[in-house]
Every structure is written in C-alpha cells, then in structure tokens.
PDB file of all heavy atoms in Angstrom:
ATOM      1  N   GLY A   1      -2.880   8.550 -19.794  1.00  0.00           N
ATOM      2  CA  GLY A   1      -4.292   8.286 -19.817  1.00  0.00           C
ATOM      3  C   GLY A   1      -5.085   9.559 -19.516  1.00  0.00           C
ATOM      4  O   GLY A   1      -4.571  10.675 -19.425  1.00  0.00           O
ATOM      5  N   GLU A   2      -6.335   9.356 -19.161  1.00  0.00           N
ATOM      6  CA  GLU A   2      -7.221  10.477 -18.812  1.00  0.00           C
ATOM      7  C   GLU A   2      -6.947  10.920 -17.418  1.00  0.00           C
ATOM      8  O   GLU A   2      -6.950  10.118 -16.509  1.00  0.00           O
ATOM      9  CB  GLU A   2      -8.699  10.022 -18.977  1.00  0.00           C
ATOM     10  CG  GLU A   2      -9.668  11.215 -18.815  1.00  0.00           C
ATOM     11  CD  GLU A   2     -11.090  10.722 -18.989  1.00  0.00           C
ATOM     12  OE1 GLU A   2     -11.370   9.552 -19.310  1.00  0.00           O
ATOM     13  OE2 GLU A   2     -12.001  11.578 -18.839  1.00  0.00           O
ATOM     14  N   LEU A   3      -6.689  12.215 -17.261  1.00  0.00           N
ATOM     15  CA  LEU A   3      -6.304  12.768 -16.006  1.00  0.00           C
ATOM     16  C   LEU A   3      -7.312  12.493 -14.907  1.00  0.00           C
ATOM     17  O   LEU A   3      -6.916  12.139 -13.770  1.00  0.00           O
ATOM     18  CB  LEU A   3      -6.023  14.259 -16.157  1.00  0.00           C
ATOM     19  CG  LEU A   3      -5.493  15.030 -14.874  1.00  0.00           C
ATOM     20  CD1 LEU A   3      -4.321  14.334 -14.295  1.00  0.00           C
ATOM     21  CD2 LEU A   3      -5.210  16.448 -15.142  1.00  0.00           C
ATOM     22  N   ARG A   4      -8.576  12.630 -15.243  1.00  0.00           N
ATOM     23  CA  ARG A   4      -9.637  12.433 -14.240  1.00  0.00           C
ATOM     24  C   ARG A   4      -9.559  10.990 -13.653  1.00  0.00           C
ATOM     25  O   ARG A   4      -9.654  10.732 -12.468  1.00  0.00           O
ATOM     26  CB  ARG A   4     -10.965  12.706 -14.827  1.00  0.00           C
ATOM     27  CG  ARG A   4     -12.106  12.573 -13.835  1.00  0.00           C
ATOM     28  CD  ARG A   4     -13.443  12.878 -14.476  1.00  0.00           C
ATOM     29  NE  ARG A   4     -13.743  12.158 -15.719  1.00  0.00           N
ATOM     30  CZ  ARG A   4     -14.783  12.267 -16.471  1.00  0.00           C
ATOM     31  NH1 ARG A   4     -15.627  13.215 -16.185  1.00  0.00           N
ATOM     32  NH2 ARG A   4     -14.928  11.524 -17.510  1.00  0.00           N
ATOM     33  N   GLU A   5      -9.386   9.993 -14.537  1.00  0.00           N
ATOM     34  CA  GLU A   5      -9.335   8.618 -14.112  1.00  0.00           C
ATOM     35  C   GLU A   5      -8.083   8.307 -13.337  1.00  0.00           C
ATOM     36  O   GLU A   5      -8.052   7.545 -12.326  1.00  0.00           O
ATOM     37  CB  GLU A   5      -9.450   7.715 -15.332  1.00  0.00           C
ATOM     38  CG  GLU A   5     -10.778   7.736 -16.012  1.00  0.00           C
ATOM     39  CD  GLU A   5     -11.936   7.339 -15.070  1.00  0.00           C
ATOM     40  OE1 GLU A   5     -11.789   6.366 -14.269  1.00  0.00           O
ATOM     41  OE2 GLU A   5     -12.926   8.081 -14.949  1.00  0.00           O
ATOM     42  N   ILE A   6      -7.002   8.911 -13.734  1.00  0.00           N
ATOM     43  CA  ILE A   6      -5.669   8.725 -13.044  1.00  0.00           C
ATOM     44  C   ILE A   6      -5.785   9.312 -11.609  1.00  0.00           C
ATOM     45  O   ILE A   6      -5.366   8.638 -10.689  1.00  0.00           O
ATOM     46  CB  ILE A   6      -4.550   9.354 -13.837  1.00  0.00           C
ATOM     47  CG1 ILE A   6      -4.232   8.617 -15.099  1.00  0.00           C
ATOM     48  CG2 ILE A   6      -3.248   9.486 -12.966  1.00  0.00           C
ATOM     49  CD1 ILE A   6      -3.268   9.352 -16.029  1.00  0.00           C
ATOM     50  N   LYS A   7      -6.420  10.480 -11.521  1.00  0.00           N
ATOM     51  CA  LYS A   7      -6.632  11.023 -10.161  1.00  0.00           C
ATOM     52  C   LYS A   7      -7.490  10.156  -9.285  1.00  0.00           C
ATOM     53  O   LYS A   7      -7.211   9.970  -8.097  1.00  0.00           O
ATOM     54  CB  LYS A   7      -7.211  12.456 -10.277  1.00  0.00           C
ATOM     55  CG  LYS A   7      -6.227  13.547 -10.642  1.00  0.00           C
ATOM     56  CD  LYS A   7      -6.962  14.901 -10.464  1.00  0.00           C
ATOM     57  CE  LYS A   7      -5.942  15.989 -10.540  1.00  0.00           C
ATOM     58  NZ  LYS A   7      -6.560  17.292 -10.129  1.00  0.00           N
ATOM     59  N   LYS A   8      -8.523   9.638  -9.873  1.00  0.00           N
ATOM     60  CA  LYS A   8      -9.429   8.772  -9.145  1.00  0.00           C
ATOM     61  C   LYS A   8      -8.736   7.545  -8.651  1.00  0.00           C
ATOM     62  O   LYS A   8      -8.826   7.086  -7.508  1.00  0.00           O
ATOM     63  CB  LYS A   8     -10.628   8.374 -10.047  1.00  0.00           C
ATOM     64  CG  LYS A   8     -11.700   7.622  -9.287  1.00  0.00           C
ATOM     65  CD  LYS A   8     -12.788   7.124 -10.225  1.00  0.00           C
ATOM     66  CE  LYS A   8     -13.488   8.330 -10.923  1.00  0.00           C
ATOM     67  NZ  LYS A   8     -14.584   7.778 -11.726  1.00  0.00           N
ATOM     68  N   ASP A   9      -7.839   6.976  -9.494  1.00  0.00           N
ATOM     69  CA  ASP A   9      -7.083   5.789  -9.199  1.00  0.00           C
ATOM     70  C   ASP A   9      -6.124   6.042  -8.059  1.00  0.00           C
ATOM     71  O   ASP A   9      -5.986   5.282  -7.095  1.00  0.00           O
ATOM     72  CB  ASP A   9      -6.358   5.266 -10.407  1.00  0.00           C
ATOM     73  CG  ASP A   9      -5.703   3.932 -10.110  1.00  0.00           C
ATOM     74  OD1 ASP A   9      -6.352   2.959  -9.703  1.00  0.00           O
ATOM     75  OD2 ASP A   9      -4.446   3.832 -10.336  1.00  0.00           O
ATOM     76  N   TYR A  10      -5.371   7.186  -8.196  1.00  0.00           N
ATOM     77  CA  TYR A  10      -4.425   7.560  -7.105  1.00  0.00           C
ATOM     78  C   TYR A  10      -5.062   7.946  -5.782  1.00  0.00           C
ATOM     79  O   TYR A  10      -4.461   7.842  -4.763  1.00  0.00           O
ATOM     80  CB  TYR A  10      -3.485   8.631  -7.624  1.00  0.00           C
ATOM     81  CG  TYR A  10      -2.248   8.134  -8.336  1.00  0.00           C
ATOM     82  CD1 TYR A  10      -2.301   7.574  -9.558  1.00  0.00           C
ATOM     83  CD2 TYR A  10      -1.059   8.180  -7.699  1.00  0.00           C
ATOM     84  CE1 TYR A  10      -1.187   7.076 -10.184  1.00  0.00           C
ATOM     85  CE2 TYR A  10       0.170   7.705  -8.294  1.00  0.00           C
ATOM     86  CZ  TYR A  10       0.026   7.146  -9.544  1.00  0.00           C
ATOM     87  OH  TYR A  10       1.113   6.668 -10.207  1.00  0.00           O
ATOM     88  N   GLY A  11      -6.296   8.422  -5.860  1.00  0.00           N
ATOM     89  CA  GLY A  11      -6.987   8.806  -4.640  1.00  0.00           C
ATOM     90  C   GLY A  11      -7.768   7.697  -3.999  1.00  0.00           C
ATOM     91  O   GLY A  11      -8.293   7.829  -2.847  1.00  0.00           O
ATOM     92  N   ARG A  12      -7.864   6.541  -4.647  1.00  0.00           N
ATOM     93  CA  ARG A  12      -8.599   5.435  -4.118  1.00  0.00           C
ATOM     94  C   ARG A  12      -8.083   4.952  -2.791  1.00  0.00           C
ATOM     95  O   ARG A  12      -6.851   4.815  -2.590  1.00  0.00           O
ATOM     96  CB  ARG A  12      -8.627   4.279  -5.121  1.00  0.00           C
ATOM     97  CG  ARG A  12      -9.581   3.102  -4.792  1.00  0.00           C
ATOM     98  CD  ARG A  12      -9.686   2.160  -5.849  1.00  0.00           C
ATOM     99  NE  ARG A  12     -10.493   2.702  -7.013  1.00  0.00           N
ATOM    100  CZ  ARG A  12     -10.026   2.920  -8.194  1.00  0.00           C
ATOM    101  NH1 ARG A  12      -8.816   2.594  -8.541  1.00  0.00           N
ATOM    102  NH2 ARG A  12     -10.816   3.435  -9.136  1.00  0.00           N
ATOM    103  N   ASN A  13      -8.977   4.740  -1.834  1.00  0.00           N
ATOM    104  CA  ASN A  13      -8.653   4.241  -0.461  1.00  0.00           C
ATOM    105  C   ASN A  13      -7.836   5.253   0.336  1.00  0.00           C
ATOM    106  O   ASN A  13      -7.167   4.943   1.282  1.00  0.00           O
ATOM    107  CB  ASN A  13      -7.810   3.008  -0.495  1.00  0.00           C
ATOM    108  CG  ASN A  13      -8.660   1.788  -1.118  1.00  0.00           C
ATOM    109  OD1 ASN A  13      -9.882   1.752  -0.878  1.00  0.00           O
ATOM    110  ND2 ASN A  13      -7.982   0.865  -1.831  1.00  0.00           N
ATOM    111  N   ARG A  14      -7.910   6.537  -0.030  1.00  0.00           N
ATOM    112  CA  ARG A  14      -7.240   7.571   0.713  1.00  0.00           C
ATOM    113  C   ARG A  14      -8.217   8.603   1.217  1.00  0.00           C
ATOM    114  O   ARG A  14      -9.195   8.932   0.474  1.00  0.00           O
ATOM    115  CB  ARG A  14      -6.107   8.287  -0.128  1.00  0.00           C
ATOM    116  CG  ARG A  14      -4.970   7.309  -0.424  1.00  0.00           C
ATOM    117  CD  ARG A  14      -3.913   7.945  -1.196  1.00  0.00           C
ATOM    118  NE  ARG A  14      -2.829   7.070  -1.489  1.00  0.00           N
ATOM    119  CZ  ARG A  14      -1.769   7.383  -2.177  1.00  0.00           C
ATOM    120  NH1 ARG A  14      -1.659   8.568  -2.768  1.00  0.00           N
ATOM    121  NH2 ARG A  14      -0.813   6.498  -2.443  1.00  0.00           N
ATOM    122  N   LEU A  15      -8.025   9.121   2.377  1.00  0.00           N
ATOM    123  CA  LEU A  15      -8.900  10.063   3.057  1.00  0.00           C
ATOM    124  C   LEU A  15      -8.084  11.261   3.483  1.00  0.00           C
ATOM    125  O   LEU A  15      -6.890  11.157   3.676  1.00  0.00           O
ATOM    126  CB  LEU A  15      -9.621   9.510   4.218  1.00  0.00           C
ATOM    127  CG  LEU A  15     -10.413   8.184   3.968  1.00  0.00           C
ATOM    128  CD1 LEU A  15     -10.853   7.551   5.296  1.00  0.00           C
ATOM    129  CD2 LEU A  15     -11.604   8.457   3.056  1.00  0.00           C
ATOM    130  N   MET A  16      -8.738  12.352   3.763  1.00  0.00           N
ATOM    131  CA  MET A  16      -8.124  13.541   4.388  1.00  0.00           C
ATOM    132  C   MET A  16      -8.795  13.818   5.691  1.00  0.00           C
ATOM    133  O   MET A  16     -10.038  13.653   5.849  1.00  0.00           O
ATOM    134  CB  MET A  16      -8.123  14.754   3.464  1.00  0.00           C
ATOM    135  CG  MET A  16      -9.520  15.190   3.070  1.00  0.00           C
ATOM    136  SD  MET A  16      -9.479  16.642   1.986  1.00  0.00           S
ATOM    137  CE  MET A  16     -11.163  16.949   1.729  1.00  0.00           C
ATOM    138  N   LEU A  17      -7.958  14.346   6.635  1.00  0.00           N
ATOM    139  CA  LEU A  17      -8.575  14.598   7.979  1.00  0.00           C
ATOM    140  C   LEU A  17      -7.816  15.744   8.661  1.00  0.00           C
ATOM    141  O   LEU A  17      -6.607  15.775   8.649  1.00  0.00           O
ATOM    142  CB  LEU A  17      -8.439  13.312   8.883  1.00  0.00           C
ATOM    143  CG  LEU A  17      -8.830  13.482  10.369  1.00  0.00           C
ATOM    144  CD1 LEU A  17     -10.369  13.771  10.420  1.00  0.00           C
ATOM    145  CD2 LEU A  17      -8.449  12.285  11.181  1.00  0.00           C
ATOM    146  N   SER A  18      -8.557  16.662   9.106  1.00  0.00           N
ATOM    147  CA  SER A  18      -8.045  17.737  10.009  1.00  0.00           C
ATOM    148  C   SER A  18      -8.982  17.996  11.148  1.00  0.00           C
ATOM    149  O   SER A  18     -10.173  17.638  11.092  1.00  0.00           O
ATOM    150  CB  SER A  18      -7.782  19.006   9.219  1.00  0.00           C
ATOM    151  OG  SER A  18      -9.033  19.574   8.765  1.00  0.00           O
ATOM    152  N   ALA A  19      -8.515  18.569  12.234  1.00  0.00           N
ATOM    153  CA  ALA A  19      -9.315  18.738  13.464  1.00  0.00           C
ATOM    154  C   ALA A  19      -9.173  20.149  14.031  1.00  0.00           C
ATOM    155  O   ALA A  19      -8.077  20.778  13.859  1.00  0.00           O
ATOM    156  CB  ALA A  19      -8.886  17.715  14.564  1.00  0.00           C
ATOM    157  N   GLU A  20     -10.194  20.621  14.575  1.00  0.00           N
ATOM    158  CA  GLU A  20     -10.192  21.995  15.162  1.00  0.00           C
ATOM    159  C   GLU A  20      -9.474  21.966  16.526  1.00  0.00           C
ATOM    160  O   GLU A  20      -8.923  23.024  16.883  1.00  0.00           O
ATOM    161  CB  GLU A  20     -11.618  22.485  15.383  1.00  0.00           C
ATOM    162  CG  GLU A  20     -12.366  22.707  14.035  1.00  0.00           C
ATOM    163  CD  GLU A  20     -13.733  23.288  14.223  1.00  0.00           C
ATOM    164  OE1 GLU A  20     -14.177  23.380  15.384  1.00  0.00           O
ATOM    165  OE2 GLU A  20     -14.403  23.534  13.202  1.00  0.00           O
ATOM    166  N   ASN A  21      -9.455  20.876  17.278  1.00  0.00           N
ATOM    167  CA  ASN A  21      -8.924  20.883  18.598  1.00  0.00           C
ATOM    168  C   ASN A  21      -7.572  20.107  18.708  1.00  0.00           C
ATOM    169  O   ASN A  21      -7.118  19.885  19.801  1.00  0.00           O
ATOM    170  CB  ASN A  21      -9.924  20.246  19.554  1.00  0.00           C
ATOM    171  CG  ASN A  21     -10.340  18.813  19.213  1.00  0.00           C
ATOM    172  OD1 ASN A  21     -10.305  18.447  18.014  1.00  0.00           O
ATOM    173  ND2 ASN A  21     -10.712  18.028  20.193  1.00  0.00           N
ATOM    174  N   TYR A  22      -7.023  19.735  17.629  1.00  0.00           N
ATOM    175  CA  TYR A  22      -5.692  19.091  17.611  1.00  0.00           C
ATOM    176  C   TYR A  22      -4.812  19.704  16.490  1.00  0.00           C
ATOM    177  O   TYR A  22      -5.309  19.895  15.340  1.00  0.00           O
ATOM    178  CB  TYR A  22      -5.795  17.594  17.259  1.00  0.00           C
ATOM    179  CG  TYR A  22      -6.257  16.721  18.470  1.00  0.00           C
ATOM    180  CD1 TYR A  22      -7.631  16.481  18.647  1.00  0.00           C
ATOM    181  CD2 TYR A  22      -5.338  16.184  19.336  1.00  0.00           C
ATOM    182  CE1 TYR A  22      -8.036  15.691  19.682  1.00  0.00           C
ATOM    183  CE2 TYR A  22      -5.781  15.379  20.418  1.00  0.00           C
ATOM    184  CZ  TYR A  22      -7.122  15.150  20.572  1.00  0.00           C
ATOM    185  OH  TYR A  22      -7.559  14.337  21.645  1.00  0.00           O
ATOM    186  N   ASP A  23      -3.555  20.060  16.828  1.00  0.00           N
ATOM    187  CA  ASP A  23      -2.652  20.448  15.736  1.00  0.00           C
ATOM    188  C   ASP A  23      -2.212  19.148  15.014  1.00  0.00           C
ATOM    189  O   ASP A  23      -2.550  18.004  15.446  1.00  0.00           O
ATOM    190  CB  ASP A  23      -1.475  21.238  16.305  1.00  0.00           C
ATOM    191  CG  ASP A  23      -0.552  20.381  17.208  1.00  0.00           C
ATOM    192  OD1 ASP A  23      -0.406  19.172  17.028  1.00  0.00           O
ATOM    193  OD2 ASP A  23       0.099  20.985  18.122  1.00  0.00           O
ATOM    194  N   GLN A  24      -1.586  19.316  13.864  1.00  0.00           N
ATOM    195  CA  GLN A  24      -1.353  18.181  13.007  1.00  0.00           C
ATOM    196  C   GLN A  24      -0.524  17.098  13.712  1.00  0.00           C
ATOM    197  O   GLN A  24      -0.803  15.906  13.552  1.00  0.00           O
ATOM    198  CB  GLN A  24      -0.669  18.658  11.687  1.00  0.00           C
ATOM    199  CG  GLN A  24      -0.801  17.653  10.575  1.00  0.00           C
ATOM    200  CD  GLN A  24      -0.282  18.153   9.281  1.00  0.00           C
ATOM    201  OE1 GLN A  24       0.915  18.025   9.012  1.00  0.00           O
ATOM    202  NE2 GLN A  24      -1.145  18.722   8.498  1.00  0.00           N
ATOM    203  N   ASN A  25       0.504  17.473  14.478  1.00  0.00           N
ATOM    204  CA  ASN A  25       1.341  16.464  15.117  1.00  0.00           C
ATOM    205  C   ASN A  25       0.590  15.681  16.138  1.00  0.00           C
ATOM    206  O   ASN A  25       0.699  14.410  16.168  1.00  0.00           O
ATOM    207  CB  ASN A  25       2.588  17.155  15.718  1.00  0.00           C
ATOM    208  CG  ASN A  25       3.564  17.649  14.726  1.00  0.00           C
ATOM    209  OD1 ASN A  25       3.661  17.142  13.594  1.00  0.00           O
ATOM    210  ND2 ASN A  25       4.293  18.682  15.064  1.00  0.00           N
ATOM    211  N   ARG A  26      -0.213  16.387  16.961  1.00  0.00           N
ATOM    212  CA  ARG A  26      -0.981  15.637  17.942  1.00  0.00           C
ATOM    213  C   ARG A  26      -2.038  14.797  17.334  1.00  0.00           C
ATOM    214  O   ARG A  26      -2.352  13.692  17.773  1.00  0.00           O
ATOM    215  CB  ARG A  26      -1.589  16.647  18.967  1.00  0.00           C
ATOM    216  CG  ARG A  26      -0.563  17.297  19.864  1.00  0.00           C
ATOM    217  CD  ARG A  26      -1.242  18.329  20.760  1.00  0.00           C
ATOM    218  NE  ARG A  26      -2.264  17.723  21.593  1.00  0.00           N
ATOM    219  CZ  ARG A  26      -3.527  18.223  21.714  1.00  0.00           C
ATOM    220  NH1 ARG A  26      -3.811  19.327  21.074  1.00  0.00           N
ATOM    221  NH2 ARG A  26      -4.357  17.620  22.509  1.00  0.00           N
ATOM    222  N   LEU A  27      -2.643  15.322  16.245  1.00  0.00           N
ATOM    223  CA  LEU A  27      -3.678  14.513  15.522  1.00  0.00           C
ATOM    224  C   LEU A  27      -3.098  13.254  14.922  1.00  0.00           C
ATOM    225  O   LEU A  27      -3.657  12.150  15.007  1.00  0.00           O
ATOM    226  CB  LEU A  27      -4.294  15.352  14.404  1.00  0.00           C
ATOM    227  CG  LEU A  27      -5.438  14.640  13.566  1.00  0.00           C
ATOM    228  CD1 LEU A  27      -6.568  14.290  14.517  1.00  0.00           C
ATOM    229  CD2 LEU A  27      -5.874  15.586  12.469  1.00  0.00           C
ATOM    230  N   ALA A  28      -1.892  13.383  14.439  1.00  0.00           N
ATOM    231  CA  ALA A  28      -1.209  12.156  13.839  1.00  0.00           C
ATOM    232  C   ALA A  28      -0.915  11.147  14.883  1.00  0.00           C
ATOM    233  O   ALA A  28      -1.132   9.937  14.657  1.00  0.00           O
ATOM    234  CB  ALA A  28       0.093  12.665  13.086  1.00  0.00           C
ATOM    235  N   GLU A  29      -0.477  11.569  16.043  1.00  0.00           N
ATOM    236  CA  GLU A  29      -0.212  10.669  17.130  1.00  0.00           C
ATOM    237  C   GLU A  29      -1.542   9.990  17.569  1.00  0.00           C
ATOM    238  O   GLU A  29      -1.490   8.761  17.803  1.00  0.00           O
ATOM    239  CB  GLU A  29       0.355  11.425  18.317  1.00  0.00           C
ATOM    240  CG  GLU A  29       1.782  11.894  18.052  1.00  0.00           C
ATOM    241  CD  GLU A  29       2.304  12.748  19.221  1.00  0.00           C
ATOM    242  OE1 GLU A  29       1.538  12.892  20.255  1.00  0.00           O
ATOM    243  OE2 GLU A  29       3.415  13.323  19.174  1.00  0.00           O
ATOM    244  N   LYS A  30      -2.608  10.697  17.639  1.00  0.00           N
ATOM    245  CA  LYS A  30      -3.903  10.076  18.083  1.00  0.00           C
ATOM    246  C   LYS A  30      -4.380   9.068  17.013  1.00  0.00           C
ATOM    247  O   LYS A  30      -4.880   8.039  17.380  1.00  0.00           O
ATOM    248  CB  LYS A  30      -4.901  11.248  18.317  1.00  0.00           C
ATOM    249  CG  LYS A  30      -6.181  10.656  18.883  1.00  0.00           C
ATOM    250  CD  LYS A  30      -7.097  11.799  19.320  1.00  0.00           C
ATOM    251  CE  LYS A  30      -8.357  11.360  20.061  1.00  0.00           C
ATOM    252  NZ  LYS A  30      -8.073  10.697  21.341  1.00  0.00           N
ATOM    253  N   VAL A  31      -4.261   9.499  15.729  1.00  0.00           N
ATOM    254  CA  VAL A  31      -4.720   8.582  14.707  1.00  0.00           C
ATOM    255  C   VAL A  31      -3.920   7.289  14.699  1.00  0.00           C
ATOM    256  O   VAL A  31      -4.419   6.186  14.588  1.00  0.00           O
ATOM    257  CB  VAL A  31      -4.582   9.259  13.320  1.00  0.00           C
ATOM    258  CG1 VAL A  31      -4.759   8.242  12.171  1.00  0.00           C
ATOM    259  CG2 VAL A  31      -5.658  10.350  13.175  1.00  0.00           C
ATOM    260  N   GLU A  32      -2.616   7.409  14.828  1.00  0.00           N
ATOM    261  CA  GLU A  32      -1.744   6.191  14.838  1.00  0.00           C
ATOM    262  C   GLU A  32      -2.108   5.316  16.096  1.00  0.00           C
ATOM    263  O   GLU A  32      -2.085   4.081  15.931  1.00  0.00           O
ATOM    264  CB  GLU A  32      -0.258   6.632  14.927  1.00  0.00           C
ATOM    265  CG  GLU A  32       0.259   7.172  13.603  1.00  0.00           C
ATOM    266  CD  GLU A  32       1.650   7.721  13.702  1.00  0.00           C
ATOM    267  OE1 GLU A  32       2.094   7.917  14.870  1.00  0.00           O
ATOM    268  OE2 GLU A  32       2.279   7.956  12.667  1.00  0.00           O
ATOM    269  N   LYS A  33      -2.419   5.924  17.146  1.00  0.00           N
ATOM    270  CA  LYS A  33      -2.695   5.127  18.420  1.00  0.00           C
ATOM    271  C   LYS A  33      -4.086   4.540  18.389  1.00  0.00           C
ATOM    272  O   LYS A  33      -4.258   3.376  18.761  1.00  0.00           O
ATOM    273  CB  LYS A  33      -2.592   6.085  19.619  1.00  0.00           C
ATOM    274  CG  LYS A  33      -2.760   5.360  20.947  1.00  0.00           C
ATOM    275  CD  LYS A  33      -2.569   6.356  22.114  1.00  0.00           C
ATOM    276  CE  LYS A  33      -2.818   5.657  23.454  1.00  0.00           C
ATOM    277  NZ  LYS A  33      -2.591   6.613  24.583  1.00  0.00           N
ATOM    278  N   GLU A  34      -5.118   5.321  17.915  1.00  0.00           N
ATOM    279  CA  GLU A  34      -6.516   4.854  18.110  1.00  0.00           C
ATOM    280  C   GLU A  34      -7.127   4.403  16.789  1.00  0.00           C
ATOM    281  O   GLU A  34      -8.226   3.791  16.824  1.00  0.00           O
ATOM    282  CB  GLU A  34      -7.327   5.971  18.689  1.00  0.00           C
ATOM    283  CG  GLU A  34      -6.833   6.373  20.144  1.00  0.00           C
ATOM    284  CD  GLU A  34      -7.737   7.482  20.760  1.00  0.00           C
ATOM    285  OE1 GLU A  34      -8.830   7.716  20.200  1.00  0.00           O
ATOM    286  OE2 GLU A  34      -7.304   8.044  21.743  1.00  0.00           O
ATOM    287  N   PHE A  35      -6.518   4.728  15.684  1.00  0.00           N
ATOM    288  CA  PHE A  35      -7.134   4.336  14.355  1.00  0.00           C
ATOM    289  C   PHE A  35      -6.190   3.418  13.576  1.00  0.00           C
ATOM    290  O   PHE A  35      -6.489   3.191  12.356  1.00  0.00           O
ATOM    291  CB  PHE A  35      -7.433   5.572  13.551  1.00  0.00           C
ATOM    292  CG  PHE A  35      -8.538   6.482  14.148  1.00  0.00           C
ATOM    293  CD1 PHE A  35      -8.251   7.239  15.255  1.00  0.00           C
ATOM    294  CD2 PHE A  35      -9.758   6.577  13.531  1.00  0.00           C
ATOM    295  CE1 PHE A  35      -9.248   8.052  15.804  1.00  0.00           C
ATOM    296  CE2 PHE A  35     -10.728   7.360  14.076  1.00  0.00           C
ATOM    297  CZ  PHE A  35     -10.489   8.142  15.180  1.00  0.00           C
ATOM    298  N   GLY A  36      -5.128   2.939  14.104  1.00  0.00           N
ATOM    299  CA  GLY A  36      -4.085   2.249  13.386  1.00  0.00           C
ATOM    300  C   GLY A  36      -4.578   0.982  12.691  1.00  0.00           C
ATOM    301  O   GLY A  36      -4.013   0.525  11.747  1.00  0.00           O
TER     302      GLY A  36
END
C-alpha cells in the first residue's frame, strides 16, 4: 500500500518520550510505575 498511510497506521496510538532529568532506564521505571 501507500507508505505514508502504512506509517500512520503503524504509528497510531504510539507516543515517544524522553526526559532531561532521567536516563532511559530510570524513565522507563517511572513510566511503568506512575503511567502504567
């Protein structure tokens, strides 16, 4: 199919997150605990 639509479909309901004051492992732990 059309690549743009396929990307949109695969990206639906997905977000990206990074933080200045947490490394990735600590951020993942916090997200799982407080945003689960």
